[in-house]
Amino acid sequence: MSQHKIAMLTAGGLAPCLSSAVGGLIERYSEIAPDAAMIG
């Protein structure tokens, strides 16, 4: 079985809405694919 990788790319900055959205994505991907490597 292949190793899954999840990459995140944003335009930069630390806006609260962006941080919240990225945090939500990380949380959800951790539930769906706990063994996937996250890059970002």
C-alpha atoms as a PDB file:
ATOM      1  CA  MET A   1       0.000   0.000   0.000  1.00  0.00           C
ATOM      2  CA  SER A   2       1.321   3.469  -0.854  1.00  0.00           C
ATOM      3  CA  GLN A   3       2.036   6.138   1.739  1.00  0.00           C
ATOM      4  CA  HIS A   4      -0.370   9.065   1.470  1.00  0.00           C
ATOM      5  CA  LYS A   5       0.932  12.620   1.726  1.00  0.00           C
ATOM      6  CA  ILE A   6      -1.144  15.725   2.380  1.00  0.00           C
ATOM      7  CA  ALA A   7       0.307  19.094   1.377  1.00  0.00           C
ATOM      8  CA  MET A   8      -0.996  22.511   2.388  1.00  0.00           C
ATOM      9  CA  LEU A   9      -0.102  25.703   0.585  1.00  0.00           C
ATOM     10  CA  THR A  10      -1.423  29.121   1.555  1.00  0.00           C
ATOM     11  CA  ALA A  11      -0.707  32.659   0.411  1.00  0.00           C
ATOM     12  CA  GLY A  12       0.913  33.367   3.769  1.00  0.00           C
ATOM     13  CA  GLY A  13      -0.029  35.527   6.695  1.00  0.00           C
ATOM     14  CA  LEU A  14      -1.524  34.626  10.042  1.00  0.00           C
ATOM     15  CA  ALA A  15      -5.120  35.777   9.663  1.00  0.00           C
ATOM     16  CA  PRO A  16      -7.394  34.184  12.291  1.00  0.00           C
ATOM     17  CA  CYS A  17      -9.773  32.841   9.640  1.00  0.00           C
ATOM     18  CA  LEU A  18      -6.891  31.194   7.735  1.00  0.00           C
ATOM     19  CA  SER A  19      -5.442  29.675  10.904  1.00  0.00           C
ATOM     20  CA  SER A  20      -8.864  28.333  11.858  1.00  0.00           C
ATOM     21  CA  ALA A  21      -9.454  26.831   8.413  1.00  0.00           C
ATOM     22  CA  VAL A  22      -6.032  25.165   8.288  1.00  0.00           C
ATOM     23  CA  GLY A  23      -6.499  23.858  11.832  1.00  0.00           C
ATOM     24  CA  GLY A  24      -9.853  22.375  10.837  1.00  0.00           C
ATOM     25  CA  LEU A  25      -8.307  20.682   7.809  1.00  0.00           C
ATOM     26  CA  ILE A  26      -5.493  19.214   9.904  1.00  0.00           C
ATOM     27  CA  GLU A  27      -7.974  17.924  12.471  1.00  0.00           C
ATOM     28  CA  ARG A  28     -10.207  16.342   9.822  1.00  0.00           C
ATOM     29  CA  TYR A  29      -7.339  14.765   7.866  1.00  0.00           C
ATOM     30  CA  SER A  30      -5.982  13.360  11.153  1.00  0.00           C
ATOM     31  CA  GLU A  31      -9.315  11.591  11.658  1.00  0.00           C
ATOM     32  CA  ILE A  32      -9.641  10.318   8.075  1.00  0.00           C
ATOM     33  CA  ALA A  33      -6.016   9.352   7.391  1.00  0.00           C
ATOM     34  CA  PRO A  34      -4.057   9.226  10.668  1.00  0.00           C
ATOM     35  CA  ASP A  35      -1.004   7.630   9.002  1.00  0.00           C
ATOM     36  CA  ALA A  36      -0.707  10.241   6.236  1.00  0.00           C
ATOM     37  CA  ALA A  37       2.293  12.563   6.250  1.00  0.00           C
ATOM     38  CA  MET A  38       1.382  16.262   6.357  1.00  0.00           C
ATOM     39  CA  ILE A  39       3.596  18.734   4.519  1.00  0.00           C
ATOM     40  CA  GLY A  40       3.163  22.460   4.727  1.00  0.00           C
END
